[in-house]
PDB file of N, CA and C in Angstrom:
ATOM      1  N   MET A   1      40.829 127.014 157.123  1.00  0.00           N
ATOM      2  CA  MET A   1      41.792 127.185 156.062  1.00  0.00           C
ATOM      3  C   MET A   1      41.083 127.029 154.720  1.00  0.00           C
ATOM      4  N   ARG A   2      41.281 127.965 153.821  1.00  0.00           N
ATOM      5  CA  ARG A   2      40.598 127.912 152.530  1.00  0.00           C
ATOM      6  C   ARG A   2      41.401 127.098 151.516  1.00  0.00           C
ATOM      7  N   ARG A   3      40.717 126.627 150.495  1.00  0.00           N
ATOM      8  CA  ARG A   3      41.364 125.867 149.420  1.00  0.00           C
ATOM      9  C   ARG A   3      41.748 126.826 148.300  1.00  0.00           C
ATOM     10  N   ILE A   4      42.972 126.693 147.824  1.00  0.00           N
ATOM     11  CA  ILE A   4      43.484 127.556 146.758  1.00  0.00           C
ATOM     12  C   ILE A   4      44.149 126.675 145.710  1.00  0.00           C
ATOM     13  N   ASN A   5      43.846 126.945 144.450  1.00  0.00           N
ATOM     14  CA  ASN A   5      44.531 126.254 143.355  1.00  0.00           C
ATOM     15  C   ASN A   5      45.788 127.066 143.035  1.00  0.00           C
ATOM     16  N   PRO A   6      46.986 126.523 143.300  1.00  0.00           N
ATOM     17  CA  PRO A   6      48.213 127.301 143.111  1.00  0.00           C
ATOM     18  C   PRO A   6      48.468 127.705 141.666  1.00  0.00           C
ATOM     19  N   ASN A   7      47.942 126.949 140.712  1.00  0.00           N
ATOM     20  CA  ASN A   7      48.159 127.284 139.308  1.00  0.00           C
ATOM     21  C   ASN A   7      47.316 128.463 138.841  1.00  0.00           C
ATOM     22  N   LYS A   8      46.340 128.870 139.628  1.00  0.00           N
ATOM     23  CA  LYS A   8      45.481 130.003 139.270  1.00  0.00           C
ATOM     24  C   LYS A   8      45.789 131.253 140.087  1.00  0.00           C
ATOM     25  N   LEU A   9      46.911 131.263 140.773  1.00  0.00           N
ATOM     26  CA  LEU A   9      47.270 132.404 141.619  1.00  0.00           C
ATOM     27  C   LEU A   9      47.774 133.606 140.833  1.00  0.00           C
ATOM     28  N   HIS A  10      48.368 133.388 139.663  1.00  0.00           N
ATOM     29  CA  HIS A  10      48.986 134.482 138.913  1.00  0.00           C
ATOM     30  C   HIS A  10      47.968 135.582 138.638  1.00  0.00           C
ATOM     31  N   LEU A  11      48.329 136.815 138.963  1.00  0.00           N
ATOM     32  CA  LEU A  11      47.526 138.026 138.817  1.00  0.00           C
ATOM     33  C   LEU A  11      46.297 138.065 139.735  1.00  0.00           C
ATOM     34  N   SER A  12      46.276 137.234 140.777  1.00  0.00           N
ATOM     35  CA  SER A  12      45.186 137.310 141.747  1.00  0.00           C
ATOM     36  C   SER A  12      45.463 138.442 142.748  1.00  0.00           C
ATOM     37  N   LYS A  13      44.405 138.928 143.370  1.00  0.00           N
ATOM     38  CA  LYS A  13      44.491 140.070 144.285  1.00  0.00           C
ATOM     39  C   LYS A  13      44.325 139.590 145.721  1.00  0.00           C
ATOM     40  N   TRP A  14      45.114 140.192 146.647  1.00  0.00           N
ATOM     41  CA  TRP A  14      45.096 139.808 148.051  1.00  0.00           C
ATOM     42  C   TRP A  14      45.164 141.039 148.935  1.00  0.00           C
ATOM     43  N   THR A  15      44.546 140.948 150.106  1.00  0.00           N
ATOM     44  CA  THR A  15      44.563 142.016 151.098  1.00  0.00           C
ATOM     45  C   THR A  15      45.224 141.495 152.370  1.00  0.00           C
ATOM     46  N   ALA A  16      46.199 142.248 152.862  1.00  0.00           N
ATOM     47  CA  ALA A  16      46.862 141.885 154.112  1.00  0.00           C
ATOM     48  C   ALA A  16      45.969 142.273 155.285  1.00  0.00           C
ATOM     49  N   ARG A  17      45.802 141.373 156.235  1.00  0.00           N
ATOM     50  CA  ARG A  17      44.987 141.661 157.414  1.00  0.00           C
ATOM     51  C   ARG A  17      45.690 142.631 158.359  1.00  0.00           C
ATOM     52  N   SER A  18      47.018 142.562 158.400  1.00  0.00           N
ATOM     53  CA  SER A  18      47.814 143.455 159.246  1.00  0.00           C
ATOM     54  C   SER A  18      48.782 144.231 158.358  1.00  0.00           C
ATOM     55  N   PRO A  19      48.316 145.313 157.729  1.00  0.00           N
ATOM     56  CA  PRO A  19      49.183 146.061 156.809  1.00  0.00           C
ATOM     57  C   PRO A  19      50.370 146.701 157.514  1.00  0.00           C
ATOM     58  N   LYS A  20      51.493 146.700 156.818  1.00  0.00           N
ATOM     59  CA  LYS A  20      52.700 147.347 157.316  1.00  0.00           C
ATOM     60  C   LYS A  20      53.132 148.375 156.274  1.00  0.00           C
ATOM     61  N   ASN A  21      53.538 149.552 156.718  1.00  0.00           N
ATOM     62  CA  ASN A  21      53.978 150.641 155.840  1.00  0.00           C
ATOM     63  C   ASN A  21      52.910 151.006 154.808  1.00  0.00           C
ATOM     64  N   LYS A  22      51.651 150.982 155.207  1.00  0.00           N
ATOM     65  CA  LYS A  22      50.508 151.312 154.353  1.00  0.00           C
ATOM     66  C   LYS A  22      50.354 150.358 153.176  1.00  0.00           C
ATOM     67  N   GLU A  23      51.015 149.200 153.232  1.00  0.00           N
ATOM     68  CA  GLU A  23      50.924 148.217 152.161  1.00  0.00           C
ATOM     69  C   GLU A  23      49.831 147.215 152.527  1.00  0.00           C
ATOM     70  N   LYS A  24      48.659 147.429 151.966  1.00  0.00           N
ATOM     71  CA  LYS A  24      47.507 146.600 152.291  1.00  0.00           C
ATOM     72  C   LYS A  24      47.100 145.697 151.128  1.00  0.00           C
ATOM     73  N   HIS A  25      47.118 146.236 149.918  1.00  0.00           N
ATOM     74  CA  HIS A  25      46.673 145.493 148.742  1.00  0.00           C
ATOM     75  C   HIS A  25      47.864 144.992 147.933  1.00  0.00           C
ATOM     76  N   PHE A  26      47.773 143.721 147.534  1.00  0.00           N
ATOM     77  CA  PHE A  26      48.854 143.065 146.804  1.00  0.00           C
ATOM     78  C   PHE A  26      48.314 142.346 145.577  1.00  0.00           C
ATOM     79  N   LEU A  27      49.197 142.173 144.590  1.00  0.00           N
ATOM     80  CA  LEU A  27      48.890 141.454 143.363  1.00  0.00           C
ATOM     81  C   LEU A  27      49.975 140.403 143.160  1.00  0.00           C
ATOM     82  N   VAL A  28      49.576 139.168 142.848  1.00  0.00           N
ATOM     83  CA  VAL A  28      50.555 138.108 142.583  1.00  0.00           C
ATOM     84  C   VAL A  28      51.109 138.337 141.179  1.00  0.00           C
ATOM     85  N   VAL A  29      52.391 138.674 141.085  1.00  0.00           N
ATOM     86  CA  VAL A  29      52.994 139.010 139.797  1.00  0.00           C
ATOM     87  C   VAL A  29      53.839 137.882 139.212  1.00  0.00           C
ATOM     88  N   LYS A  30      54.199 136.882 140.034  1.00  0.00           N
ATOM     89  CA  LYS A  30      55.053 135.804 139.536  1.00  0.00           C
ATOM     90  C   LYS A  30      54.869 134.568 140.404  1.00  0.00           C
ATOM     91  N   LEU A  31      54.960 133.398 139.768  1.00  0.00           N
ATOM     92  CA  LEU A  31      54.938 132.127 140.485  1.00  0.00           C
ATOM     93  C   LEU A  31      56.294 131.459 140.315  1.00  0.00           C
ATOM     94  N   VAL A  32      56.867 130.983 141.400  1.00  0.00           N
ATOM     95  CA  VAL A  32      58.147 130.276 141.377  1.00  0.00           C
ATOM     96  C   VAL A  32      57.828 128.789 141.387  1.00  0.00           C
ATOM     97  N   LYS A  33      58.282 128.082 140.332  1.00  0.00           N
ATOM     98  CA  LYS A  33      57.968 126.660 140.183  1.00  0.00           C
ATOM     99  C   LYS A  33      59.247 125.834 140.211  1.00  0.00           C
ATOM    100  N   ASP A  34      59.094 124.547 140.537  1.00  0.00           N
ATOM    101  CA  ASP A  34      60.239 123.636 140.532  1.00  0.00           C
ATOM    102  C   ASP A  34      60.346 122.960 139.159  1.00  0.00           C
ATOM    103  N   ASP A  35      61.229 121.986 139.046  1.00  0.00           N
ATOM    104  CA  ASP A  35      61.455 121.292 137.775  1.00  0.00           C
ATOM    105  C   ASP A  35      60.242 120.496 137.318  1.00  0.00           C
ATOM    106  N   ASN A  36      59.401 120.090 138.238  1.00  0.00           N
ATOM    107  CA  ASN A  36      58.198 119.321 137.912  1.00  0.00           C
ATOM    108  C   ASN A  36      56.989 120.218 137.679  1.00  0.00           C
ATOM    109  N   ASP A  37      57.207 121.513 137.555  1.00  0.00           N
ATOM    110  CA  ASP A  37      56.170 122.507 137.300  1.00  0.00           C
ATOM    111  C   ASP A  37      55.183 122.644 138.467  1.00  0.00           C
ATOM    112  N   LEU A  38      55.632 122.355 139.674  1.00  0.00           N
ATOM    113  CA  LEU A  38      54.817 122.564 140.868  1.00  0.00           C
ATOM    114  C   LEU A  38      55.136 123.932 141.463  1.00  0.00           C
ATOM    115  N   VAL A  39      54.104 124.651 141.867  1.00  0.00           N
ATOM    116  CA  VAL A  39      54.282 125.986 142.439  1.00  0.00           C
ATOM    117  C   VAL A  39      54.866 125.862 143.846  1.00  0.00           C
ATOM    118  N   LEU A  40      55.983 126.545 144.087  1.00  0.00           N
ATOM    119  CA  LEU A  40      56.624 126.549 145.394  1.00  0.00           C
ATOM    120  C   LEU A  40      56.365 127.848 146.139  1.00  0.00           C
ATOM    121  N   GLN A  41      56.542 128.967 145.440  1.00  0.00           N
ATOM    122  CA  GLN A  41      56.399 130.290 146.050  1.00  0.00           C
ATOM    123  C   GLN A  41      55.677 131.214 145.087  1.00  0.00           C
ATOM    124  N   CYS A  42      55.230 132.336 145.621  1.00  0.00           N
ATOM    125  CA  CYS A  42      54.639 133.374 144.785  1.00  0.00           C
ATOM    126  C   CYS A  42      55.257 134.717 145.173  1.00  0.00           C
ATOM    127  N   VAL A  43      55.307 135.597 144.205  1.00  0.00           N
ATOM    128  CA  VAL A  43      55.840 136.945 144.419  1.00  0.00           C
ATOM    129  C   VAL A  43      54.661 137.907 144.396  1.00  0.00           C
ATOM    130  N   LEU A  44      54.449 138.584 145.519  1.00  0.00           N
ATOM    131  CA  LEU A  44      53.380 139.565 145.628  1.00  0.00           C
ATOM    132  C   LEU A  44      53.975 140.957 145.517  1.00  0.00           C
ATOM    133  N   GLU A  45      53.281 141.836 144.820  1.00  0.00           N
ATOM    134  CA  GLU A  45      53.729 143.222 144.671  1.00  0.00           C
ATOM    135  C   GLU A  45      52.704 144.142 145.309  1.00  0.00           C
ATOM    136  N   SER A  46      53.194 145.023 146.162  1.00  0.00           N
ATOM    137  CA  SER A  46      52.332 145.995 146.818  1.00  0.00           C
ATOM    138  C   SER A  46      51.826 147.012 145.797  1.00  0.00           C
ATOM    139  N   ILE A  47      50.546 147.297 145.832  1.00  0.00           N
ATOM    140  CA  ILE A  47      49.976 148.290 144.925  1.00  0.00           C
ATOM    141  C   ILE A  47      50.402 149.692 145.335  1.00  0.00           C
ATOM    142  N   PHE A  48      50.604 149.906 146.608  1.00  0.00           N
ATOM    143  CA  PHE A  48      50.959 151.218 147.136  1.00  0.00           C
ATOM    144  C   PHE A  48      52.409 151.610 146.814  1.00  0.00           C
ATOM    145  N   SER A  49      53.348 150.704 147.101  1.00  0.00           N
ATOM    146  CA  SER A  49      54.767 151.060 146.986  1.00  0.00           C
ATOM    147  C   SER A  49      55.522 150.306 145.898  1.00  0.00           C
ATOM    148  N   ARG A  50      54.882 149.327 145.271  1.00  0.00           N
ATOM    149  CA  ARG A  50      55.504 148.474 144.244  1.00  0.00           C
ATOM    150  C   ARG A  50      56.623 147.591 144.806  1.00  0.00           C
ATOM    151  N   ARG A  51      56.723 147.501 146.132  1.00  0.00           N
ATOM    152  CA  ARG A  51      57.705 146.606 146.758  1.00  0.00           C
ATOM    153  C   ARG A  51      57.221 145.177 146.580  1.00  0.00           C
ATOM    154  N   GLN A  52      58.177 144.273 146.300  1.00  0.00           N
ATOM    155  CA  GLN A  52      57.817 142.876 146.094  1.00  0.00           C
ATOM    156  C   GLN A  52      58.147 142.034 147.309  1.00  0.00           C
ATOM    157  N   LEU A  53      57.302 141.056 147.553  1.00  0.00           N
ATOM    158  CA  LEU A  53      57.404 140.171 148.695  1.00  0.00           C
ATOM    159  C   LEU A  53      57.284 138.737 148.188  1.00  0.00           C
ATOM    160  N   THR A  54      58.277 137.895 148.495  1.00  0.00           N
ATOM    161  CA  THR A  54      58.235 136.489 148.096  1.00  0.00           C
ATOM    162  C   THR A  54      57.871 135.654 149.310  1.00  0.00           C
ATOM    163  N   LEU A  55      56.857 134.796 149.139  1.00  0.00           N
ATOM    164  CA  LEU A  55      56.469 133.926 150.236  1.00  0.00           C
ATOM    165  C   LEU A  55      55.935 132.607 149.699  1.00  0.00           C
ATOM    166  N   ASP A  56      55.881 131.623 150.568  1.00  0.00           N
ATOM    167  CA  ASP A  56      55.335 130.322 150.233  1.00  0.00           C
ATOM    168  C   ASP A  56      53.858 130.503 149.877  1.00  0.00           C
ATOM    169  N   TRP A  57      53.418 129.942 148.764  1.00  0.00           N
ATOM    170  CA  TRP A  57      52.043 130.171 148.317  1.00  0.00           C
ATOM    171  C   TRP A  57      51.025 129.665 149.341  1.00  0.00           C
ATOM    172  N   GLN A  58      51.404 128.687 150.145  1.00  0.00           N
ATOM    173  CA  GLN A  58      50.470 128.153 151.126  1.00  0.00           C
ATOM    174  C   GLN A  58      50.218 129.123 152.288  1.00  0.00           C
ATOM    175  N   ALA A  59      51.059 130.134 152.421  1.00  0.00           N
ATOM    176  CA  ALA A  59      50.836 131.154 153.453  1.00  0.00           C
ATOM    177  C   ALA A  59      49.562 131.947 153.171  1.00  0.00           C
ATOM    178  N   LEU A  60      49.140 131.996 151.903  1.00  0.00           N
ATOM    179  CA  LEU A  60      47.914 132.716 151.554  1.00  0.00           C
ATOM    180  C   LEU A  60      46.665 132.008 152.072  1.00  0.00           C
ATOM    181  N   LYS A  61      46.797 130.768 152.484  1.00  0.00           N
ATOM    182  CA  LYS A  61      45.663 130.024 153.032  1.00  0.00           C
ATOM    183  C   LYS A  61      45.282 130.505 154.426  1.00  0.00           C
ATOM    184  N   GLN A  62      46.194 131.170 155.113  1.00  0.00           N
ATOM    185  CA  GLN A  62      45.956 131.623 156.483  1.00  0.00           C
ATOM    186  C   GLN A  62      44.995 132.816 156.487  1.00  0.00           C
ATOM    187  N   GLU A  63      43.776 132.570 156.868  1.00  0.00           N
ATOM    188  CA  GLU A  63      42.763 133.624 156.866  1.00  0.00           C
ATOM    189  C   GLU A  63      43.034 134.701 157.907  1.00  0.00           C
ATOM    190  N   THR A  64      43.903 134.405 158.868  1.00  0.00           N
ATOM    191  CA  THR A  64      44.255 135.412 159.868  1.00  0.00           C
ATOM    192  C   THR A  64      45.239 136.428 159.306  1.00  0.00           C
ATOM    193  N   ASP A  65      45.919 136.098 158.202  1.00  0.00           N
ATOM    194  CA  ASP A  65      46.914 136.984 157.607  1.00  0.00           C
ATOM    195  C   ASP A  65      46.490 137.582 156.269  1.00  0.00           C
ATOM    196  N   TRP A  66      45.739 136.830 155.471  1.00  0.00           N
ATOM    197  CA  TRP A  66      45.417 137.243 154.102  1.00  0.00           C
ATOM    198  C   TRP A  66      43.941 137.060 153.788  1.00  0.00           C
ATOM    199  N   LEU A  67      43.392 138.017 153.038  1.00  0.00           N
ATOM    200  CA  LEU A  67      42.029 137.934 152.510  1.00  0.00           C
ATOM    201  C   LEU A  67      42.115 137.883 150.987  1.00  0.00           C
ATOM    202  N   MET A  68      41.294 137.046 150.387  1.00  0.00           N
ATOM    203  CA  MET A  68      41.258 136.966 148.932  1.00  0.00           C
ATOM    204  C   MET A  68      40.529 138.192 148.380  1.00  0.00           C
ATOM    205  N   GLY A  69      41.105 138.845 147.385  1.00  0.00           N
ATOM    206  CA  GLY A  69      40.512 140.049 146.803  1.00  0.00           C
ATOM    207  C   GLY A  69      40.974 141.295 147.536  1.00  0.00           C
ATOM    208  N   TRP A  70      40.526 142.453 147.049  1.00  0.00           N
ATOM    209  CA  TRP A  70      40.863 143.721 147.689  1.00  0.00           C
ATOM    210  C   TRP A  70      39.680 144.170 148.507  1.00  0.00           C
ATOM    211  N   LYS A  71      39.847 144.225 149.807  1.00  0.00           N
ATOM    212  CA  LYS A  71      38.758 144.597 150.715  1.00  0.00           C
ATOM    213  C   LYS A  71      39.080 145.925 151.377  1.00  0.00           C
TER     214      LYS A  71
END
């Protein structure tokens, strides 16, 4: 499991290991924070279709599902 600083996720690039609907490359476009300014979720936008996906930011730590950068 890789270490990720949640406060530096905004505008980072990610590659899905198992692309669905030709959506392989994603960009973090928004961070969802709580009242204490802690990151809870991130919103990823597909570069191919512009569809947005909201998920727990810690899901990006799973190397079996996500690669850092566009590969």
